[in-house]
Structures are given as structure tokens and as C-alpha cells.
């Protein structure tokens, strides 16, 4: 994967944040997804490389990325989609 994939993944995380906000989720949860998206977008190396080298734990070491968002990033890296996002769009 490339840095452009980081922008795609960040876009998906921002989409999750937007849908959560529209559906009345906690503002802290919304902010967490937005901060994680900003982290991924600003990375100077592919987030897929971070996952490949350190797994979910490697992703959790990124600023503003907790275990739940690390798992979301893993799904986006491995599968190119995020089940949570599919559910939110319904």
C-alpha cells in the first residue's frame, strides 16, 4: 500500500466520525475517529507497513489510535472495508 492508501483510510475514519456525529454518538468518540484520521493522513509512511510490522499493537502506538480504531484500521488495510461503516450507513 502507498501513502495514497493512508488518505483513503483517513477518509473512511472521517466518514465514520461524521455518521457517528449525525446519529448522536458521544462527541468524545467522534473526536477520537477524527484525531485518528488526522494521524493517518499525516503519516510519512504507509499505515499498512506499520500494521505489517507490528500488528494491531503497532497501530495502537500511533498517536490518537486506541484498540478499537486500531482494529478498524486493520480491517481497512486487510479487507479494504469496514463492517462498522457499512452498519452506520444503513
N, C-alpha and C. Protein backbone atom coordinates (compact mmCIF):
# COMPACT_ATOMS: atom_id res chain seq x y z
N UNK A 1 0.85 -1.19 0.00
CA UNK A 1 0.00 0.00 0.00
C UNK A 1 0.89 1.24 0.00
N UNK A 2 0.29 2.34 -0.41
CA UNK A 2 1.05 3.58 -0.54
C UNK A 2 0.51 4.65 0.40
N UNK A 3 1.14 5.79 0.32
CA UNK A 3 0.65 6.92 1.13
C UNK A 3 -0.74 7.34 0.69
N UNK A 4 -1.07 7.14 -0.59
CA UNK A 4 -2.43 7.48 -1.04
C UNK A 4 -3.45 6.58 -0.33
N UNK A 5 -3.05 5.36 0.01
CA UNK A 5 -3.94 4.48 0.77
C UNK A 5 -4.19 5.07 2.16
N UNK A 6 -3.19 5.74 2.72
CA UNK A 6 -3.39 6.41 4.01
C UNK A 6 -4.53 7.42 3.91
N UNK A 7 -4.56 8.16 2.81
CA UNK A 7 -5.61 9.16 2.64
C UNK A 7 -6.98 8.50 2.50
N UNK A 8 -7.03 7.36 1.84
CA UNK A 8 -8.29 6.63 1.71
C UNK A 8 -8.75 6.13 3.07
N UNK A 9 -7.83 5.57 3.84
CA UNK A 9 -8.17 5.07 5.18
C UNK A 9 -8.60 6.22 6.08
N UNK A 10 -7.88 7.33 6.03
CA UNK A 10 -8.26 8.50 6.82
C UNK A 10 -9.66 8.98 6.42
N UNK A 11 -9.95 8.95 5.14
CA UNK A 11 -11.28 9.35 4.67
C UNK A 11 -12.37 8.46 5.22
N UNK A 12 -12.10 7.18 5.30
CA UNK A 12 -13.09 6.25 5.88
C UNK A 12 -13.29 6.52 7.37
N UNK A 13 -12.20 6.80 8.08
CA UNK A 13 -12.33 7.12 9.51
C UNK A 13 -13.11 8.42 9.70
N UNK A 14 -12.89 9.39 8.83
CA UNK A 14 -13.65 10.65 8.90
C UNK A 14 -15.13 10.40 8.59
N UNK A 15 -15.38 9.49 7.67
CA UNK A 15 -16.76 9.13 7.34
C UNK A 15 -17.45 8.50 8.55
N UNK A 16 -16.75 7.63 9.26
CA UNK A 16 -17.28 7.04 10.49
C UNK A 16 -17.60 8.15 11.49
N UNK A 17 -16.68 9.08 11.67
CA UNK A 17 -16.89 10.18 12.61
C UNK A 17 -18.13 10.99 12.24
N UNK A 18 -18.28 11.29 10.97
CA UNK A 18 -19.42 12.08 10.51
C UNK A 18 -20.74 11.34 10.78
N UNK A 19 -20.77 10.06 10.44
CA UNK A 19 -22.01 9.29 10.65
C UNK A 19 -22.30 9.13 12.14
N UNK A 20 -21.28 8.90 12.94
CA UNK A 20 -21.50 8.82 14.39
C UNK A 20 -22.06 10.13 14.92
N UNK A 21 -21.52 11.24 14.46
CA UNK A 21 -21.99 12.55 14.90
C UNK A 21 -23.46 12.74 14.50
N UNK A 22 -23.78 12.41 13.27
CA UNK A 22 -25.16 12.56 12.79
C UNK A 22 -26.13 11.68 13.57
N UNK A 23 -25.64 10.55 14.08
CA UNK A 23 -26.50 9.62 14.81
C UNK A 23 -26.47 9.84 16.32
N UNK A 24 -25.82 10.94 16.74
CA UNK A 24 -25.86 11.33 18.14
C UNK A 24 -24.91 10.61 19.07
N UNK A 25 -23.84 10.06 18.53
CA UNK A 25 -22.85 9.38 19.36
C UNK A 25 -22.11 10.39 20.24
N UNK A 26 -21.43 9.87 21.22
CA UNK A 26 -20.63 10.69 22.12
C UNK A 26 -19.65 11.55 21.32
N UNK A 27 -19.53 12.80 21.72
CA UNK A 27 -18.61 13.68 21.00
C UNK A 27 -17.17 13.23 21.17
N UNK A 28 -16.87 12.54 22.28
CA UNK A 28 -15.52 12.02 22.50
C UNK A 28 -15.20 10.91 21.50
N UNK A 29 -16.19 10.08 21.22
CA UNK A 29 -15.99 9.01 20.23
C UNK A 29 -15.79 9.61 18.84
N UNK A 30 -16.61 10.59 18.51
CA UNK A 30 -16.49 11.27 17.22
C UNK A 30 -15.11 11.90 17.09
N UNK A 31 -14.68 12.60 18.13
CA UNK A 31 -13.37 13.25 18.11
C UNK A 31 -12.25 12.22 18.00
N UNK A 32 -12.41 11.07 18.62
CA UNK A 32 -11.38 10.04 18.55
C UNK A 32 -11.16 9.59 17.10
N UNK A 33 -12.25 9.40 16.37
CA UNK A 33 -12.12 9.00 14.96
C UNK A 33 -11.51 10.12 14.13
N UNK A 34 -11.87 11.34 14.42
CA UNK A 34 -11.30 12.47 13.67
C UNK A 34 -9.80 12.63 13.95
N UNK A 35 -9.41 12.48 15.20
CA UNK A 35 -7.98 12.59 15.54
C UNK A 35 -7.19 11.46 14.91
N UNK A 36 -7.74 10.25 14.94
CA UNK A 36 -7.05 9.12 14.32
C UNK A 36 -6.93 9.33 12.81
N UNK A 37 -7.96 9.86 12.19
CA UNK A 37 -7.91 10.14 10.75
C UNK A 37 -6.81 11.14 10.45
N UNK A 38 -6.69 12.17 11.28
CA UNK A 38 -5.64 13.18 11.07
C UNK A 38 -4.25 12.55 11.23
N UNK A 39 -4.11 11.65 12.18
CA UNK A 39 -2.83 10.96 12.39
C UNK A 39 -2.46 10.15 11.15
N UNK A 40 -3.40 9.37 10.65
CA UNK A 40 -3.14 8.52 9.49
C UNK A 40 -2.83 9.37 8.26
N UNK A 41 -3.58 10.44 8.07
CA UNK A 41 -3.38 11.31 6.91
C UNK A 41 -1.99 11.96 6.94
N UNK A 42 -1.49 12.27 8.13
CA UNK A 42 -0.21 12.98 8.26
C UNK A 42 1.01 12.05 8.24
N UNK A 43 0.79 10.76 8.24
CA UNK A 43 1.91 9.82 8.31
C UNK A 43 2.79 9.92 7.07
N UNK A 44 4.07 9.73 7.29
CA UNK A 44 5.04 9.80 6.20
C UNK A 44 5.39 8.42 5.65
N UNK A 45 4.72 7.41 6.16
CA UNK A 45 4.89 6.05 5.64
C UNK A 45 3.53 5.37 5.62
N UNK A 46 3.36 4.36 4.80
CA UNK A 46 2.05 3.69 4.73
C UNK A 46 1.66 3.06 6.06
N UNK A 47 0.44 3.30 6.46
CA UNK A 47 -0.07 2.71 7.69
C UNK A 47 -0.08 1.19 7.57
N UNK A 48 -0.20 0.67 6.35
CA UNK A 48 -0.15 -0.78 6.13
C UNK A 48 1.20 -1.34 6.56
N UNK A 49 2.27 -0.57 6.37
CA UNK A 49 3.59 -1.01 6.81
C UNK A 49 3.66 -1.11 8.34
N UNK A 50 3.06 -0.14 9.00
CA UNK A 50 3.02 -0.15 10.47
C UNK A 50 2.28 -1.40 10.94
N UNK A 51 1.15 -1.69 10.30
CA UNK A 51 0.39 -2.89 10.66
C UNK A 51 1.19 -4.15 10.34
N UNK A 52 1.82 -4.18 9.18
CA UNK A 52 2.59 -5.35 8.77
C UNK A 52 3.74 -5.65 9.72
N UNK A 53 4.34 -4.63 10.25
CA UNK A 53 5.49 -4.80 11.14
C UNK A 53 5.10 -5.05 12.59
N UNK A 54 3.99 -4.43 13.04
CA UNK A 54 3.66 -4.51 14.47
C UNK A 54 2.26 -4.97 14.79
N UNK A 55 1.47 -5.31 13.77
CA UNK A 55 0.11 -5.75 14.02
C UNK A 55 -0.74 -4.65 14.64
N UNK A 56 -1.80 -5.06 15.29
CA UNK A 56 -2.70 -4.10 15.94
C UNK A 56 -1.95 -3.31 17.01
N UNK A 57 -1.02 -3.98 17.70
CA UNK A 57 -0.25 -3.30 18.74
C UNK A 57 0.58 -2.17 18.14
N UNK A 58 1.13 -2.38 16.96
CA UNK A 58 1.88 -1.32 16.28
C UNK A 58 1.00 -0.14 15.94
N UNK A 59 -0.23 -0.43 15.52
CA UNK A 59 -1.17 0.65 15.21
C UNK A 59 -1.55 1.42 16.47
N UNK A 60 -1.70 0.71 17.59
CA UNK A 60 -2.06 1.36 18.85
C UNK A 60 -0.98 2.32 19.33
N UNK A 61 0.24 2.13 18.88
CA UNK A 61 1.32 3.03 19.29
C UNK A 61 1.29 4.35 18.52
N UNK A 62 0.46 4.43 17.49
CA UNK A 62 0.32 5.70 16.76
C UNK A 62 -0.43 6.70 17.64
N UNK A 63 -0.11 7.98 17.53
CA UNK A 63 -0.84 8.99 18.31
C UNK A 63 -2.34 8.95 17.99
N UNK A 64 -3.15 9.01 19.02
CA UNK A 64 -4.61 9.09 18.90
C UNK A 64 -5.27 7.83 18.37
N UNK A 65 -4.58 6.70 18.43
CA UNK A 65 -5.17 5.44 17.95
C UNK A 65 -5.23 4.45 19.12
N UNK A 66 -6.46 4.16 19.53
CA UNK A 66 -6.69 3.16 20.57
C UNK A 66 -6.99 1.81 19.95
N UNK A 67 -7.32 0.86 20.80
CA UNK A 67 -7.51 -0.51 20.33
C UNK A 67 -8.66 -0.63 19.33
N UNK A 68 -9.78 0.03 19.58
CA UNK A 68 -10.92 -0.08 18.66
C UNK A 68 -10.62 0.50 17.29
N UNK A 69 -9.99 1.66 17.28
CA UNK A 69 -9.66 2.29 16.00
C UNK A 69 -8.52 1.53 15.32
N UNK A 70 -7.61 0.96 16.09
CA UNK A 70 -6.55 0.14 15.51
C UNK A 70 -7.16 -1.06 14.78
N UNK A 71 -8.16 -1.66 15.37
CA UNK A 71 -8.85 -2.79 14.72
C UNK A 71 -9.57 -2.33 13.46
N UNK A 72 -10.14 -1.13 13.50
CA UNK A 72 -10.80 -0.59 12.31
C UNK A 72 -9.78 -0.37 11.19
N UNK A 73 -8.63 0.17 11.54
CA UNK A 73 -7.58 0.38 10.54
C UNK A 73 -7.11 -0.96 9.99
N UNK A 74 -6.96 -1.95 10.86
CA UNK A 74 -6.57 -3.29 10.40
C UNK A 74 -7.56 -3.81 9.36
N UNK A 75 -8.85 -3.67 9.63
CA UNK A 75 -9.87 -4.14 8.68
C UNK A 75 -9.75 -3.40 7.35
N UNK A 76 -9.51 -2.11 7.41
CA UNK A 76 -9.37 -1.33 6.18
C UNK A 76 -8.12 -1.73 5.40
N UNK A 77 -7.04 -2.00 6.11
CA UNK A 77 -5.80 -2.42 5.45
C UNK A 77 -5.97 -3.81 4.84
N UNK A 78 -6.52 -4.74 5.60
CA UNK A 78 -6.62 -6.13 5.15
C UNK A 78 -7.74 -6.36 4.14
N UNK A 79 -8.91 -5.77 4.41
CA UNK A 79 -10.10 -6.09 3.63
C UNK A 79 -10.54 -4.96 2.70
N UNK A 80 -10.03 -3.76 2.95
CA UNK A 80 -10.46 -2.62 2.15
C UNK A 80 -11.84 -2.11 2.50
N UNK A 81 -12.41 -2.64 3.56
CA UNK A 81 -13.73 -2.18 4.01
C UNK A 81 -13.83 -2.29 5.52
N UNK A 82 -14.86 -1.68 6.04
CA UNK A 82 -15.05 -1.62 7.47
C UNK A 82 -16.52 -1.94 7.76
N UNK A 83 -16.78 -3.07 8.40
CA UNK A 83 -18.15 -3.51 8.69
C UNK A 83 -18.91 -2.45 9.48
N UNK A 84 -18.24 -1.80 10.42
CA UNK A 84 -18.90 -0.77 11.21
C UNK A 84 -19.44 0.36 10.33
N UNK A 85 -18.66 0.74 9.34
CA UNK A 85 -19.08 1.80 8.43
C UNK A 85 -20.28 1.34 7.62
N UNK A 86 -20.27 0.09 7.19
CA UNK A 86 -21.43 -0.46 6.46
C UNK A 86 -22.68 -0.38 7.33
N UNK A 87 -22.55 -0.73 8.61
CA UNK A 87 -23.72 -0.70 9.52
C UNK A 87 -24.21 0.74 9.74
N UNK A 88 -23.30 1.66 9.88
CA UNK A 88 -23.68 3.05 10.12
C UNK A 88 -24.40 3.66 8.91
N UNK A 89 -24.09 3.18 7.73
CA UNK A 89 -24.68 3.74 6.52
C UNK A 89 -26.11 3.28 6.28
N UNK A 90 -26.53 2.28 7.01
CA UNK A 90 -27.90 1.75 6.82
C UNK A 90 -28.93 2.68 7.40
